[in-house]
Amino acid sequence: NYSTAGIKADGTLWTWGTNGQGQLGHNSKTKRSSPTQVGTDTDWLKLQHSGSYSMGCIKTDGTLWVWGNNQLGQLGQDNSNRYSSPVQVGTDTTWSQTSGGCHQSNFGIKTDGTLWSWGASGNGQGGQNTTASYSSPKQVGSGTDWSTVVGCDEVCFATKTDGTAWAWGYNDKMALGHNQPVNT
């Protein structure tokens, strides 16, 4: 949503673009036309750009940090408050991957292979077999063999360590590959 971010080789985090929801992480709503460093930390590792005016990033210690719009709990803070500076999701230090869902939902995989979701799930994209939103991470199923996850446009795609592909969420254009226009 007209903002972007990058991590340099030295582990610093940089953001630029629009900032109406604080999604640049600079403790303001000031837009930036060139890359500006977020804080002074040098341990940023994996970036998540989730759309819907929010961002997130995993640090080298396995902690997950988020900021920006939080209208439907997509920042995992157990509330709907907006944050214009990075805040940690819980106290967990086992996040290995994170992905945004574009429509106010987020996903993550922990080092134990479990898959988690939080935020909007109006079309089932949270994988919880419900359309309810969750403002803190909730485990998807009981599997411990998830390897990748990507959320996009009210749909979630994931793979398991056995190479199988999985998809759920909004399916009106049959994006899920299930040969039927039904949300799953």
Protein backbone atom coordinates (compact mmCIF):
# COMPACT_ATOMS: atom_id res chain seq x y z
CA ASN A 1 0.00 0.00 0.00
CA TYR A 2 2.51 2.55 -1.28
CA SER A 3 5.18 1.81 1.31
CA THR A 4 8.09 -0.59 1.33
CA ALA A 5 10.98 -1.80 3.45
CA GLY A 6 14.35 -3.47 3.22
CA ILE A 7 17.03 -4.98 5.44
CA LYS A 8 20.67 -4.14 4.74
CA ALA A 9 23.52 -6.64 5.07
CA ASP A 10 24.42 -5.02 8.41
CA GLY A 11 21.02 -6.01 9.86
CA THR A 12 19.52 -2.52 9.86
CA LEU A 13 15.90 -2.01 8.80
CA TRP A 14 14.89 0.76 6.37
CA THR A 15 11.40 1.91 5.27
CA TRP A 16 9.96 4.51 2.90
CA GLY A 17 6.70 5.60 1.25
CA THR A 18 3.30 6.56 2.63
CA ASN A 19 2.77 6.35 6.36
CA GLY A 20 -0.82 7.23 7.24
CA GLN A 21 -1.12 4.30 9.68
CA GLY A 22 2.44 4.44 11.06
CA GLN A 23 3.43 1.50 8.83
CA LEU A 24 6.97 2.83 8.37
CA GLY A 25 7.77 2.24 12.06
CA HIS A 26 9.24 5.72 12.75
CA ASN A 27 6.83 6.63 15.58
CA SER A 28 5.05 9.10 13.30
CA LYS A 29 2.72 9.35 10.33
CA THR A 30 5.24 11.30 8.25
CA LYS A 31 5.75 9.87 4.76
CA ARG A 32 9.33 9.32 3.59
CA SER A 33 10.48 9.69 -0.02
CA SER A 34 13.79 7.93 0.58
CA PRO A 35 14.87 4.99 2.78
CA THR A 36 15.00 5.94 6.47
CA GLN A 37 16.38 3.66 9.17
CA VAL A 38 13.93 2.26 11.74
CA GLY A 39 15.57 2.70 15.14
CA THR A 40 19.18 1.61 15.64
CA ASP A 41 18.86 -2.18 15.94
CA THR A 42 21.16 -4.29 13.77
CA ASP A 43 19.51 -7.68 14.28
CA TRP A 44 16.63 -7.58 11.77
CA LEU A 45 16.50 -10.80 9.74
CA LYS A 46 13.30 -11.55 7.77
CA LEU A 47 10.86 -8.94 6.56
CA GLN A 48 7.10 -9.26 6.21
CA HIS A 49 5.22 -6.64 4.22
CA SER A 50 1.63 -7.48 4.89
CA GLY A 51 -0.28 -4.79 3.06
CA SER A 52 -3.28 -3.17 4.73
CA TYR A 53 -0.86 -0.55 6.02
CA SER A 54 1.18 -2.70 8.39
CA MET A 55 4.57 -4.44 8.42
CA GLY A 56 6.44 -7.01 10.45
CA CYS A 57 9.90 -8.48 10.81
CA ILE A 58 11.65 -11.37 12.56
CA LYS A 59 14.88 -10.60 14.41
CA THR A 60 17.91 -12.90 14.63
CA ASP A 61 16.79 -14.03 18.11
CA GLY A 62 13.52 -15.45 16.68
CA THR A 63 11.26 -12.69 18.01
CA LEU A 64 8.53 -11.24 15.78
CA TRP A 65 7.94 -7.46 15.63
CA VAL A 66 5.02 -5.64 13.97
CA TRP A 67 3.73 -2.08 13.46
CA GLY A 68 1.11 -0.05 11.59
CA ASN A 69 -2.63 -0.59 11.13
CA ASN A 70 -4.27 -3.00 13.54
CA GLN A 71 -7.97 -2.53 12.86
CA LEU A 72 -8.78 -6.26 12.97
CA GLY A 73 -6.00 -7.42 15.29
CA GLN A 74 -3.53 -8.20 12.50
CA LEU A 75 -0.59 -7.08 14.66
CA GLY A 76 -1.19 -9.89 17.18
CA GLN A 77 -1.24 -7.56 20.19
CA ASP A 78 -4.58 -8.80 21.59
CA ASN A 79 -6.14 -5.41 20.79
CA SER A 80 -6.97 -3.19 17.83
CA ASN A 81 -4.60 -0.29 18.67
CA ARG A 82 -2.43 1.18 15.92
CA TYR A 83 1.34 1.12 16.55
CA SER A 84 3.73 3.46 14.70
CA SER A 85 6.86 1.83 16.17
CA PRO A 86 7.80 -1.87 16.25
CA VAL A 87 6.16 -3.90 19.04
CA GLN A 88 6.90 -7.54 19.82
CA VAL A 89 4.27 -10.24 19.24
CA GLY A 90 4.15 -12.02 22.60
CA THR A 91 7.41 -13.19 24.16
CA ASP A 92 8.05 -16.13 21.85
CA THR A 93 11.55 -16.53 20.39
CA THR A 94 10.77 -19.36 17.97
CA TRP A 95 9.40 -17.58 14.87
CA SER A 96 11.10 -18.79 11.70
CA GLN A 97 8.85 -17.34 8.99
CA THR A 98 6.11 -14.75 8.68
CA SER A 99 3.80 -13.61 5.91
CA GLY A 100 1.10 -11.00 5.59
CA GLY A 101 -2.27 -11.71 4.11
CA CYS A 102 -2.91 -8.37 2.38
CA HIS A 103 -6.39 -8.07 3.87
CA GLN A 104 -5.60 -7.54 7.54
CA SER A 105 -4.43 -11.05 8.35
CA ASN A 106 -1.01 -12.46 9.15
CA PHE A 107 0.62 -15.88 9.33
CA GLY A 108 3.73 -17.33 10.89
CA ILE A 109 5.60 -20.60 11.22
CA LYS A 110 7.55 -21.43 14.34
CA THR A 111 10.75 -23.47 14.53
CA ASP A 112 8.72 -26.49 15.70
CA GLY A 113 6.86 -26.51 12.35
CA THR A 114 3.54 -25.23 13.71
CA LEU A 115 1.51 -22.73 11.67
CA TRP A 116 -0.18 -19.71 13.27
CA SER A 117 -2.63 -17.04 12.07
CA TRP A 118 -4.12 -13.83 13.45
CA GLY A 119 -6.17 -10.88 12.24
CA ALA A 120 -9.06 -10.92 9.77
CA SER A 121 -10.67 -14.15 8.63
CA GLY A 122 -13.90 -12.94 7.04
CA ASN A 123 -13.52 -15.45 4.21
CA GLY A 124 -11.82 -18.19 6.18
CA GLN A 125 -8.28 -17.06 5.32
CA GLY A 126 -7.21 -17.54 8.95
CA GLY A 127 -7.49 -21.31 8.58
CA GLN A 128 -9.49 -21.66 11.81
CA ASN A 129 -12.67 -23.02 10.16
CA THR A 130 -14.44 -19.79 11.11
CA THR A 131 -14.88 -16.25 9.83
CA ALA A 132 -14.05 -14.75 13.24
CA SER A 133 -11.05 -12.44 13.59
CA TYR A 134 -8.33 -13.10 16.18
CA SER A 135 -6.14 -10.35 17.68
CA SER A 136 -3.43 -12.73 18.90
CA PRO A 137 -1.74 -15.71 17.19
CA LYS A 138 -3.82 -18.89 17.11
CA GLN A 139 -2.42 -22.22 15.91
CA VAL A 140 -3.81 -23.53 12.61
CA GLY A 141 -4.61 -27.21 13.15
CA SER A 142 -2.17 -29.39 15.05
CA GLY A 143 0.44 -30.12 12.38
CA THR A 144 4.15 -29.69 13.05
CA ASP A 145 5.31 -30.11 9.46
CA TRP A 146 4.63 -26.71 7.84
CA SER A 147 7.55 -25.34 5.82
CA THR A 148 6.30 -22.19 3.99
CA VAL A 149 3.31 -19.87 4.17
CA VAL A 150 2.19 -16.98 1.97
CA GLY A 151 -0.96 -14.95 2.49
CA CYS A 152 -2.39 -12.90 -0.33
CA ASP A 153 -5.72 -11.21 -1.00
CA GLU A 154 -7.86 -13.14 1.54
CA VAL A 155 -6.23 -16.44 0.56
CA CYS A 156 -3.49 -18.43 2.28
CA PHE A 157 -1.12 -20.85 0.56
CA ALA A 158 1.24 -23.11 2.49
CA THR A 159 3.46 -26.13 1.95
CA LYS A 160 4.40 -28.95 4.25
CA THR A 161 7.75 -30.68 4.58
CA ASP A 162 6.42 -33.63 2.56
CA GLY A 163 6.02 -31.29 -0.46
CA THR A 164 2.22 -31.10 -0.38
CA ALA A 165 0.57 -27.74 -1.12
CA TRP A 166 -2.37 -26.38 0.85
CA ALA A 167 -4.74 -23.45 0.22
CA TRP A 168 -7.73 -21.91 2.01
CA GLY A 169 -9.76 -18.71 2.14
CA TYR A 170 -11.66 -16.66 -0.46
CA ASN A 171 -12.34 -18.71 -3.54
CA ASP A 172 -14.83 -16.78 -5.70
CA LYS A 173 -12.41 -16.84 -8.67
CA MET A 174 -11.30 -20.42 -7.87
CA ALA A 175 -7.83 -19.25 -6.80
CA LEU A 176 -7.51 -22.12 -4.34
CA GLY A 177 -7.25 -24.79 -7.03
CA HIS A 178 -10.07 -26.88 -5.55
CA ASN A 179 -12.12 -26.94 -8.77
CA GLN A 180 -15.09 -25.32 -7.02
CA PRO A 181 -16.00 -21.68 -6.21
CA VAL A 182 -16.52 -22.26 -2.49
CA ASN A 183 -14.55 -20.73 0.41
CA THR A 184 -12.68 -23.37 2.42
